[in-house]
C-alpha atoms as a PDB file:
ATOM      1  CA  MET A   1      30.830  38.851  69.774  1.00  0.00           C
ATOM      2  CA  ALA A   2      31.188  34.718  69.358  1.00  0.00           C
ATOM      3  CA  GLU A   3      29.095  33.088  66.186  1.00  0.00           C
ATOM      4  CA  LYS A   4      26.246  30.879  67.723  1.00  0.00           C
ATOM      5  CA  ARG A   5      24.941  29.627  64.438  1.00  0.00           C
ATOM      6  CA  ASP A   6      25.790  26.673  62.921  1.00  0.00           C
ATOM      7  CA  ASP A   7      26.555  24.813  59.235  1.00  0.00           C
ATOM      8  CA  THR A   8      23.071  22.701  60.178  1.00  0.00           C
ATOM      9  CA  ARG A   9      20.872  25.751  58.964  1.00  0.00           C
ATOM     10  CA  HIS A  10      19.116  24.543  55.252  1.00  0.00           C
ATOM     11  CA  ARG A  11      18.117  27.487  53.701  1.00  0.00           C
ATOM     12  CA  LYS A  12      14.179  26.362  52.435  1.00  0.00           C
ATOM     13  CA  ARG A  13      10.918  28.403  51.982  1.00  0.00           C
ATOM     14  CA  LEU A  14       7.844  26.853  53.630  1.00  0.00           C
ATOM     15  CA  LYS A  15       4.853  28.361  54.011  1.00  0.00           C
ATOM     16  CA  VAL A  16       4.723  29.556  58.108  1.00  0.00           C
ATOM     17  CA  ARG A  17       1.663  30.648  60.170  1.00  0.00           C
ATOM     18  CA  TYR A  18       2.831  32.188  63.409  1.00  0.00           C
ATOM     19  CA  GLY A  19       1.065  33.747  66.382  1.00  0.00           C
ATOM     20  CA  ASP A  20      -1.141  33.345  68.872  1.00  0.00           C
ATOM     21  CA  LYS A  21      -3.810  30.472  68.956  1.00  0.00           C
ATOM     22  CA  ASP A  22      -6.573  32.683  67.901  1.00  0.00           C
ATOM     23  CA  HIS A  23      -4.979  35.187  65.597  1.00  0.00           C
ATOM     24  CA  MET A  24      -2.227  33.496  63.259  1.00  0.00           C
ATOM     25  CA  LYS A  25      -0.463  35.869  60.485  1.00  0.00           C
ATOM     26  CA  ILE A  26       0.858  34.005  57.677  1.00  0.00           C
ATOM     27  CA  GLY A  27       5.444  34.510  57.053  1.00  0.00           C
ATOM     28  CA  PHE A  28       7.904  31.977  54.541  1.00  0.00           C
ATOM     29  CA  THR A  29      10.773  29.939  56.423  1.00  0.00           C
ATOM     30  CA  GLU A  30      14.036  31.643  54.448  1.00  0.00           C
ATOM     31  CA  ASP A  31      16.019  28.235  56.638  1.00  0.00           C
ATOM     32  CA  VAL A  32      15.476  25.630  59.769  1.00  0.00           C
ATOM     33  CA  SER A  33      17.962  23.859  61.561  1.00  0.00           C
ATOM     34  CA  GLU A  34      16.820  20.994  64.257  1.00  0.00           C
ATOM     35  CA  GLU A  35      17.038  24.071  66.881  1.00  0.00           C
ATOM     36  CA  GLY A  36      14.991  26.508  65.584  1.00  0.00           C
ATOM     37  CA  MET A  37      14.360  28.523  61.736  1.00  0.00           C
ATOM     38  CA  PHE A  38      14.276  32.037  60.545  1.00  0.00           C
ATOM     39  CA  ILE A  39      10.888  33.177  59.701  1.00  0.00           C
ATOM     40  CA  ARG A  40      10.490  36.452  57.043  1.00  0.00           C
ATOM     41  CA  THR A  41       8.088  38.497  57.714  1.00  0.00           C
ATOM     42  CA  GLY A  42       6.970  42.433  58.502  1.00  0.00           C
ATOM     43  CA  LEU A  43       4.948  41.354  61.054  1.00  0.00           C
ATOM     44  CA  THR A  44       7.558  40.341  63.687  1.00  0.00           C
ATOM     45  CA  LYS A  45       6.781  39.528  67.737  1.00  0.00           C
ATOM     46  CA  THR A  46       9.035  40.554  70.246  1.00  0.00           C
ATOM     47  CA  PRO A  47      12.355  38.668  71.846  1.00  0.00           C
ATOM     48  CA  LYS A  48      10.970  36.331  74.565  1.00  0.00           C
ATOM     49  CA  ALA A  49       7.605  35.883  72.785  1.00  0.00           C
ATOM     50  CA  THR A  50       5.784  32.764  72.020  1.00  0.00           C
ATOM     51  CA  LEU A  51       4.578  31.527  69.379  1.00  0.00           C
ATOM     52  CA  TYR A  52       2.448  28.922  68.131  1.00  0.00           C
ATOM     53  CA  ILE A  53       3.684  27.799  64.187  1.00  0.00           C
ATOM     54  CA  GLU A  54       2.240  25.665  61.573  1.00  0.00           C
ATOM     55  CA  LEU A  55       4.886  24.539  59.125  1.00  0.00           C
ATOM     56  CA  GLU A  56       3.794  23.148  55.526  1.00  0.00           C
ATOM     57  CA  THR A  57       6.234  20.720  54.789  1.00  0.00           C
ATOM     58  CA  SER A  58       4.305  19.318  52.046  1.00  0.00           C
ATOM     59  CA  PRO A  59       0.897  19.785  50.367  1.00  0.00           C
ATOM     60  CA  ASP A  60      -0.704  17.119  53.161  1.00  0.00           C
ATOM     61  CA  GLU A  61       1.377  17.609  56.004  1.00  0.00           C
ATOM     62  CA  THR A  62       1.658  20.119  58.860  1.00  0.00           C
ATOM     63  CA  VAL A  63       3.758  20.267  61.434  1.00  0.00           C
ATOM     64  CA  ALA A  64       2.263  22.124  65.116  1.00  0.00           C
ATOM     65  CA  LEU A  65       4.612  23.548  67.466  1.00  0.00           C
ATOM     66  CA  SER A  66       5.779  26.080  69.400  1.00  0.00           C
ATOM     67  CA  GLY A  67       8.777  28.464  70.025  1.00  0.00           C
ATOM     68  CA  GLN A  68      10.249  31.223  71.262  1.00  0.00           C
ATOM     69  CA  VAL A  69      11.571  34.594  69.639  1.00  0.00           C
ATOM     70  CA  GLN A  70      15.219  35.071  69.971  1.00  0.00           C
ATOM     71  CA  TRP A  71      15.970  37.997  68.239  1.00  0.00           C
ATOM     72  CA  SER A  72      13.473  39.669  65.644  1.00  0.00           C
ATOM     73  CA  LYS A  73      14.376  42.503  63.242  1.00  0.00           C
ATOM     74  CA  ARG A  74      11.093  44.977  61.712  1.00  0.00           C
ATOM     75  CA  VAL A  75      11.667  46.588  57.913  1.00  0.00           C
ATOM     76  CA  PRO A  76       9.605  48.905  56.869  1.00  0.00           C
ATOM     77  CA  PRO A  77       7.191  48.110  54.086  1.00  0.00           C
ATOM     78  CA  SER A  78       9.057  49.924  51.137  1.00  0.00           C
ATOM     79  CA  MET A  79      12.631  48.110  52.055  1.00  0.00           C
ATOM     80  CA  ALA A  80      11.003  44.634  52.490  1.00  0.00           C
ATOM     81  CA  HIS A  81      12.483  43.673  48.754  1.00  0.00           C
ATOM     82  CA  LYS A  82      15.849  45.302  50.158  1.00  0.00           C
ATOM     83  CA  LEU A  83      16.113  44.335  53.184  1.00  0.00           C
ATOM     84  CA  LYS A  84      15.449  40.768  54.934  1.00  0.00           C
ATOM     85  CA  GLY A  85      12.856  41.404  58.009  1.00  0.00           C
ATOM     86  CA  GLY A  86      11.904  38.644  60.243  1.00  0.00           C
ATOM     87  CA  MET A  87      12.311  36.775  63.130  1.00  0.00           C
ATOM     88  CA  GLY A  88      15.354  33.903  64.572  1.00  0.00           C
ATOM     89  CA  VAL A  89      12.893  31.408  66.403  1.00  0.00           C
ATOM     90  CA  LYS A  90      14.106  28.606  68.428  1.00  0.00           C
ATOM     91  CA  ILE A  91      12.091  25.382  69.038  1.00  0.00           C
ATOM     92  CA  SER A  92      10.640  24.580  72.481  1.00  0.00           C
ATOM     93  CA  ASP A  93       8.084  21.919  71.745  1.00  0.00           C
ATOM     94  CA  PHE A  94       6.523  20.472  68.785  1.00  0.00           C
ATOM     95  CA  THR A  95       2.520  19.456  68.627  1.00  0.00           C
ATOM     96  CA  SER A  96       2.323  17.445  66.409  1.00  0.00           C
ATOM     97  CA  GLY A  97       4.927  16.153  63.260  1.00  0.00           C
ATOM     98  CA  GLU A  98       7.660  15.711  64.262  1.00  0.00           C
ATOM     99  CA  GLU A  99       8.571  12.933  62.208  1.00  0.00           C
ATOM    100  CA  ALA A 100       7.073  14.649  58.946  1.00  0.00           C
ATOM    101  CA  PHE A 101       9.938  17.854  60.402  1.00  0.00           C
ATOM    102  CA  ARG A 102      13.222  15.247  60.879  1.00  0.00           C
ATOM    103  CA  LYS A 103      12.469  13.544  57.462  1.00  0.00           C
ATOM    104  CA  LEU A 104      12.527  16.724  56.087  1.00  0.00           C
ATOM    105  CA  LEU A 105      15.566  18.342  57.935  1.00  0.00           C
ATOM    106  CA  ALA A 106      17.241  14.991  56.750  1.00  0.00           C
ATOM    107  CA  PHE A 107      16.100  15.275  52.699  1.00  0.00           C
ATOM    108  CA  LEU A 108      18.377  19.090  53.342  1.00  0.00           C
ATOM    109  CA  LYS A 109      21.040  17.228  54.482  1.00  0.00           C
ATOM    110  CA  GLU A 110      21.229  14.751  52.000  1.00  0.00           C
ATOM    111  CA  THR A 111      20.632  17.181  48.997  1.00  0.00           C
ATOM    112  CA  ARG A 112      23.505  19.991  49.918  1.00  0.00           C
END
């Protein structure tokens, strides 16, 4: 199977709130890119699910976007410290903060 990823992924841990608009859960990014992100969490959604995501890029900036789960891996809580559980999310649309997200990616690319 051909690798779908490229080298534009940047390892970055950011606090994320995700879910539907009424029930948000907390997770952390493991990597981010122009197209999407990996959210590390024990509370995954099924592939093709639409998520609303609030990404804290700094203490005073939050990026709001929607995305679609491309894949997910559920890990038992007792194994979360050893195995990587979470979901890959493809960005669909920005509600707010797109410029802040692009600035973050540019900074991560420069410091690589």
